[in-house]
Amino acid sequence: MKAQLAAAKRVARLREKLHNAPPEKKEALRAKLASAKASLKAATKEAKKVTKKLDAARVAKIKERLTRVKNPEKKEALIAQLKAAKRVAELREKLFHAPYAKKAAIKAKLERAQAKLARKSEAVFKISKRLDKEKVLKIKAKLAHVEDHNVREALKE
């Protein structure tokens, strides 16, 4: 993304220079601009590829967690998180292929979807934290009643 931003800034600077340049320097600036546009295109293609890979990895990670979960409350939260992650990935893909006129509307939807994903992820985290706390309390309660030293050590682990 940083490479893409740097390339876009370079293209913008070269366009400005080309606009203000005397006629004898315009040809050289056009060649530089063409080169900068090519590097911007390559950087954009790489950014798209990386973003797509990251989105797919996020969805796969949530699906993998979903297969291991037994608690219905956590499962429900993970399903909501998965749905939000898929929506973000879908909107990013749409944004890449959208015409310039529609990009602003898609970006707004994407921002809302990302905010929703953050909320859903936070909900999953809170549920996990609470369930872990409950599990620790149950073990501590069992420990309080155990008198055998070997059993107590086993429960602590």
C-alpha atoms as a PDB file:
ATOM      1  CA  MET A   1       0.000   0.000   0.000  1.00  0.00           C
ATOM      2  CA  LYS A   2       2.879   2.373   0.791  1.00  0.00           C
ATOM      3  CA  ALA A   3       4.448   1.682  -2.605  1.00  0.00           C
ATOM      4  CA  GLN A   4       1.106   2.379  -4.251  1.00  0.00           C
ATOM      5  CA  LEU A   5       0.749   5.684  -2.398  1.00  0.00           C
ATOM      6  CA  ALA A   6       4.298   6.764  -3.280  1.00  0.00           C
ATOM      7  CA  ALA A   7       3.721   5.902  -6.949  1.00  0.00           C
ATOM      8  CA  ALA A   8       0.434   7.845  -6.990  1.00  0.00           C
ATOM      9  CA  LYS A   9       2.145  10.892  -5.472  1.00  0.00           C
ATOM     10  CA  ARG A  10       4.923  10.652  -8.071  1.00  0.00           C
ATOM     11  CA  VAL A  11       2.378  10.535 -10.907  1.00  0.00           C
ATOM     12  CA  ALA A  12       0.589  13.577  -9.457  1.00  0.00           C
ATOM     13  CA  ARG A  13       3.879  15.525  -9.160  1.00  0.00           C
ATOM     14  CA  LEU A  14       4.871  14.659 -12.720  1.00  0.00           C
ATOM     15  CA  ARG A  15       1.463  15.713 -14.065  1.00  0.00           C
ATOM     16  CA  GLU A  16       1.844  19.049 -12.295  1.00  0.00           C
ATOM     17  CA  LYS A  17       5.359  19.492 -13.694  1.00  0.00           C
ATOM     18  CA  LEU A  18       4.159  18.549 -17.182  1.00  0.00           C
ATOM     19  CA  HIS A  19       1.375  21.107 -17.001  1.00  0.00           C
ATOM     20  CA  ASN A  20       3.767  23.915 -15.988  1.00  0.00           C
ATOM     21  CA  ALA A  21       6.756  22.859 -18.141  1.00  0.00           C
ATOM     22  CA  PRO A  22       8.034  24.723 -21.185  1.00  0.00           C
ATOM     23  CA  PRO A  23       7.336  22.940 -24.513  1.00  0.00           C
ATOM     24  CA  GLU A  24      10.934  21.727 -24.968  1.00  0.00           C
ATOM     25  CA  LYS A  25      10.857  19.742 -21.674  1.00  0.00           C
ATOM     26  CA  LYS A  26       7.378  18.263 -22.105  1.00  0.00           C
ATOM     27  CA  GLU A  27       8.519  15.230 -24.121  1.00  0.00           C
ATOM     28  CA  ALA A  28      10.967  14.082 -21.437  1.00  0.00           C
ATOM     29  CA  LEU A  29       8.354  14.601 -18.734  1.00  0.00           C
ATOM     30  CA  ARG A  30       5.800  12.575 -20.717  1.00  0.00           C
ATOM     31  CA  ALA A  31       8.248   9.656 -20.817  1.00  0.00           C
ATOM     32  CA  LYS A  32       8.804   9.907 -17.044  1.00  0.00           C
ATOM     33  CA  LEU A  33       5.044  10.115 -16.510  1.00  0.00           C
ATOM     34  CA  ALA A  34       4.465   6.973 -18.585  1.00  0.00           C
ATOM     35  CA  SER A  35       7.076   5.139 -16.518  1.00  0.00           C
ATOM     36  CA  ALA A  36       5.517   6.374 -13.259  1.00  0.00           C
ATOM     37  CA  LYS A  37       2.053   5.272 -14.412  1.00  0.00           C
ATOM     38  CA  ALA A  38       3.414   1.802 -15.176  1.00  0.00           C
ATOM     39  CA  SER A  39       4.942   1.541 -11.696  1.00  0.00           C
ATOM     40  CA  LEU A  40       1.648   2.755 -10.173  1.00  0.00           C
ATOM     41  CA  LYS A  41      -0.230   0.076 -12.092  1.00  0.00           C
ATOM     42  CA  ALA A  42       2.180  -2.609 -10.868  1.00  0.00           C
ATOM     43  CA  ALA A  43       1.952  -1.360  -7.254  1.00  0.00           C
ATOM     44  CA  THR A  44      -1.858  -1.316  -7.455  1.00  0.00           C
ATOM     45  CA  LYS A  45      -1.919  -4.863  -8.818  1.00  0.00           C
ATOM     46  CA  GLU A  46       0.332  -6.055  -5.967  1.00  0.00           C
ATOM     47  CA  ALA A  47      -1.810  -4.237  -3.368  1.00  0.00           C
ATOM     48  CA  LYS A  48      -4.945  -5.911  -4.742  1.00  0.00           C
ATOM     49  CA  LYS A  49      -3.297  -9.330  -4.606  1.00  0.00           C
ATOM     50  CA  VAL A  50      -2.069  -8.871  -1.033  1.00  0.00           C
ATOM     51  CA  THR A  51      -5.413  -7.486   0.153  1.00  0.00           C
ATOM     52  CA  LYS A  52      -7.296 -10.386  -1.400  1.00  0.00           C
ATOM     53  CA  LYS A  53      -4.919 -12.849   0.275  1.00  0.00           C
ATOM     54  CA  LEU A  54      -5.314 -11.163   3.678  1.00  0.00           C
ATOM     55  CA  ASP A  55      -9.111 -11.150   3.439  1.00  0.00           C
ATOM     56  CA  ALA A  56      -9.146 -14.828   2.484  1.00  0.00           C
ATOM     57  CA  ALA A  57      -6.820 -15.657   5.387  1.00  0.00           C
ATOM     58  CA  ARG A  58      -9.073 -13.794   7.840  1.00  0.00           C
ATOM     59  CA  VAL A  59     -12.168 -15.664   6.651  1.00  0.00           C
ATOM     60  CA  ALA A  60     -10.327 -19.003   6.783  1.00  0.00           C
ATOM     61  CA  LYS A  61      -9.108 -18.303  10.323  1.00  0.00           C
ATOM     62  CA  ILE A  62     -12.633 -17.511  11.530  1.00  0.00           C
ATOM     63  CA  LYS A  63     -14.010 -20.658   9.840  1.00  0.00           C
ATOM     64  CA  GLU A  64     -11.298 -22.740  11.498  1.00  0.00           C
ATOM     65  CA  ARG A  65     -12.151 -21.298  14.925  1.00  0.00           C
ATOM     66  CA  LEU A  66     -15.820 -21.948  14.240  1.00  0.00           C
ATOM     67  CA  THR A  67     -15.181 -25.672  13.762  1.00  0.00           C
ATOM     68  CA  ARG A  68     -13.585 -25.958  17.222  1.00  0.00           C
ATOM     69  CA  VAL A  69     -16.176 -23.974  19.214  1.00  0.00           C
ATOM     70  CA  LYS A  70     -18.712 -25.813  21.348  1.00  0.00           C
ATOM     71  CA  ASN A  71     -20.332 -22.924  23.217  1.00  0.00           C
ATOM     72  CA  PRO A  72     -23.490 -21.831  21.329  1.00  0.00           C
ATOM     73  CA  GLU A  73     -23.118 -18.173  22.334  1.00  0.00           C
ATOM     74  CA  LYS A  74     -19.550 -18.007  21.040  1.00  0.00           C
ATOM     75  CA  LYS A  75     -20.522 -19.940  17.911  1.00  0.00           C
ATOM     76  CA  GLU A  76     -23.241 -17.404  17.162  1.00  0.00           C
ATOM     77  CA  ALA A  77     -20.791 -14.528  17.657  1.00  0.00           C
ATOM     78  CA  LEU A  78     -18.239 -16.197  15.376  1.00  0.00           C
ATOM     79  CA  ILE A  79     -20.873 -16.723  12.680  1.00  0.00           C
ATOM     80  CA  ALA A  80     -21.721 -13.006  12.836  1.00  0.00           C
ATOM     81  CA  GLN A  81     -18.009 -12.159  12.652  1.00  0.00           C
ATOM     82  CA  LEU A  82     -17.571 -14.479   9.664  1.00  0.00           C
ATOM     83  CA  LYS A  83     -20.501 -12.861   7.876  1.00  0.00           C
ATOM     84  CA  ALA A  84     -19.022  -9.390   8.491  1.00  0.00           C
ATOM     85  CA  ALA A  85     -15.571 -10.492   7.296  1.00  0.00           C
ATOM     86  CA  LYS A  86     -17.057 -11.923   4.099  1.00  0.00           C
ATOM     87  CA  ARG A  87     -18.911  -8.648   3.506  1.00  0.00           C
ATOM     88  CA  VAL A  88     -15.687  -6.637   3.910  1.00  0.00           C
ATOM     89  CA  ALA A  89     -13.885  -8.935   1.456  1.00  0.00           C
ATOM     90  CA  GLU A  90     -16.756  -8.662  -1.020  1.00  0.00           C
ATOM     91  CA  LEU A  91     -16.814  -4.854  -0.841  1.00  0.00           C
ATOM     92  CA  ARG A  92     -13.039  -4.621  -1.268  1.00  0.00           C
ATOM     93  CA  GLU A  93     -13.296  -6.771  -4.368  1.00  0.00           C
ATOM     94  CA  LYS A  94     -16.113  -4.569  -5.703  1.00  0.00           C
ATOM     95  CA  LEU A  95     -14.031  -1.469  -4.978  1.00  0.00           C
ATOM     96  CA  PHE A  96     -11.120  -2.793  -7.039  1.00  0.00           C
ATOM     97  CA  HIS A  97     -13.290  -3.379 -10.108  1.00  0.00           C
ATOM     98  CA  ALA A  98     -15.689  -0.442  -9.762  1.00  0.00           C
ATOM     99  CA  PRO A  99     -15.749   2.501 -12.147  1.00  0.00           C
ATOM    100  CA  TYR A 100     -14.411   5.744 -10.695  1.00  0.00           C
ATOM    101  CA  ALA A 101     -17.911   7.252 -10.333  1.00  0.00           C
ATOM    102  CA  LYS A 102     -19.048   4.486  -7.953  1.00  0.00           C
ATOM    103  CA  LYS A 103     -15.886   4.216  -5.842  1.00  0.00           C
ATOM    104  CA  ALA A 104     -16.928   6.842  -3.265  1.00  0.00           C
ATOM    105  CA  ALA A 105     -20.215   5.063  -2.517  1.00  0.00           C
ATOM    106  CA  ILE A 106     -18.479   1.686  -2.231  1.00  0.00           C
ATOM    107  CA  LYS A 107     -15.786   3.177   0.036  1.00  0.00           C
ATOM    108  CA  ALA A 108     -18.503   4.492   2.366  1.00  0.00           C
ATOM    109  CA  LYS A 109     -20.134   1.041   2.494  1.00  0.00           C
ATOM    110  CA  LEU A 110     -16.725  -0.535   3.083  1.00  0.00           C
ATOM    111  CA  GLU A 111     -16.009   1.769   6.027  1.00  0.00           C
ATOM    112  CA  ARG A 112     -19.350   0.857   7.621  1.00  0.00           C
ATOM    113  CA  ALA A 113     -18.696  -2.842   7.017  1.00  0.00           C
ATOM    114  CA  GLN A 114     -15.219  -2.574   8.564  1.00  0.00           C
ATOM    115  CA  ALA A 115     -16.670  -0.839  11.616  1.00  0.00           C
ATOM    116  CA  LYS A 116     -19.250  -3.627  11.925  1.00  0.00           C
ATOM    117  CA  LEU A 117     -16.507  -6.257  11.614  1.00  0.00           C
ATOM    118  CA  ALA A 118     -14.545  -4.524  14.381  1.00  0.00           C
ATOM    119  CA  ARG A 119     -17.632  -4.579  16.633  1.00  0.00           C
ATOM    120  CA  LYS A 120     -18.275  -8.265  15.912  1.00  0.00           C
ATOM    121  CA  SER A 121     -14.613  -9.114  16.567  1.00  0.00           C
ATOM    122  CA  GLU A 122     -14.746  -7.235  19.861  1.00  0.00           C
ATOM    123  CA  ALA A 123     -17.896  -9.158  20.829  1.00  0.00           C
ATOM    124  CA  VAL A 124     -16.154 -12.482  20.131  1.00  0.00           C
ATOM    125  CA  PHE A 125     -13.180 -11.341  22.215  1.00  0.00           C
ATOM    126  CA  LYS A 126     -15.402 -10.340  25.152  1.00  0.00           C
ATOM    127  CA  ILE A 127     -17.287 -13.637  25.066  1.00  0.00           C
ATOM    128  CA  SER A 128     -14.009 -15.593  24.944  1.00  0.00           C
ATOM    129  CA  LYS A 129     -12.629 -13.594  27.835  1.00  0.00           C
ATOM    130  CA  ARG A 130     -15.753 -14.193  29.919  1.00  0.00           C
ATOM    131  CA  LEU A 131     -15.817 -17.920  29.155  1.00  0.00           C
ATOM    132  CA  ASP A 132     -12.138 -18.248  30.045  1.00  0.00           C
ATOM    133  CA  LYS A 133     -12.774 -16.444  33.314  1.00  0.00           C
ATOM    134  CA  GLU A 134     -15.645 -18.805  34.114  1.00  0.00           C
ATOM    135  CA  LYS A 135     -13.444 -21.816  33.350  1.00  0.00           C
ATOM    136  CA  VAL A 136     -10.736 -20.524  35.709  1.00  0.00           C
ATOM    137  CA  LEU A 137     -13.290 -19.963  38.473  1.00  0.00           C
ATOM    138  CA  LYS A 138     -14.607 -23.541  38.097  1.00  0.00           C
ATOM    139  CA  ILE A 139     -11.093 -24.952  38.396  1.00  0.00           C
ATOM    140  CA  LYS A 140     -10.375 -22.790  41.456  1.00  0.00           C
ATOM    141  CA  ALA A 141     -13.607 -24.022  43.049  1.00  0.00           C
ATOM    142  CA  LYS A 142     -12.546 -27.627  42.448  1.00  0.00           C
ATOM    143  CA  LEU A 143      -9.097 -26.876  43.865  1.00  0.00           C
ATOM    144  CA  ALA A 144     -10.590 -25.564  47.093  1.00  0.00           C
ATOM    145  CA  HIS A 145     -12.151 -28.965  47.871  1.00  0.00           C
ATOM    146  CA  VAL A 146      -9.225 -31.189  46.886  1.00  0.00           C
ATOM    147  CA  GLU A 147      -7.044 -32.419  49.720  1.00  0.00           C
ATOM    148  CA  ASP A 148      -4.743 -34.800  47.820  1.00  0.00           C
ATOM    149  CA  HIS A 149      -1.523 -32.970  46.915  1.00  0.00           C
ATOM    150  CA  ASN A 150      -0.976 -34.848  43.607  1.00  0.00           C
ATOM    151  CA  VAL A 151      -4.501 -34.140  42.370  1.00  0.00           C
ATOM    152  CA  ARG A 152      -4.185 -30.471  43.326  1.00  0.00           C
ATOM    153  CA  GLU A 153      -0.963 -30.138  41.286  1.00  0.00           C
ATOM    154  CA  ALA A 154      -2.600 -31.825  38.299  1.00  0.00           C
ATOM    155  CA  LEU A 155      -5.550 -29.427  38.424  1.00  0.00           C
ATOM    156  CA  LYS A 156      -3.259 -26.399  38.587  1.00  0.00           C
ATOM    157  CA  GLU A 157      -1.726 -27.371  35.265  1.00  0.00           C
END
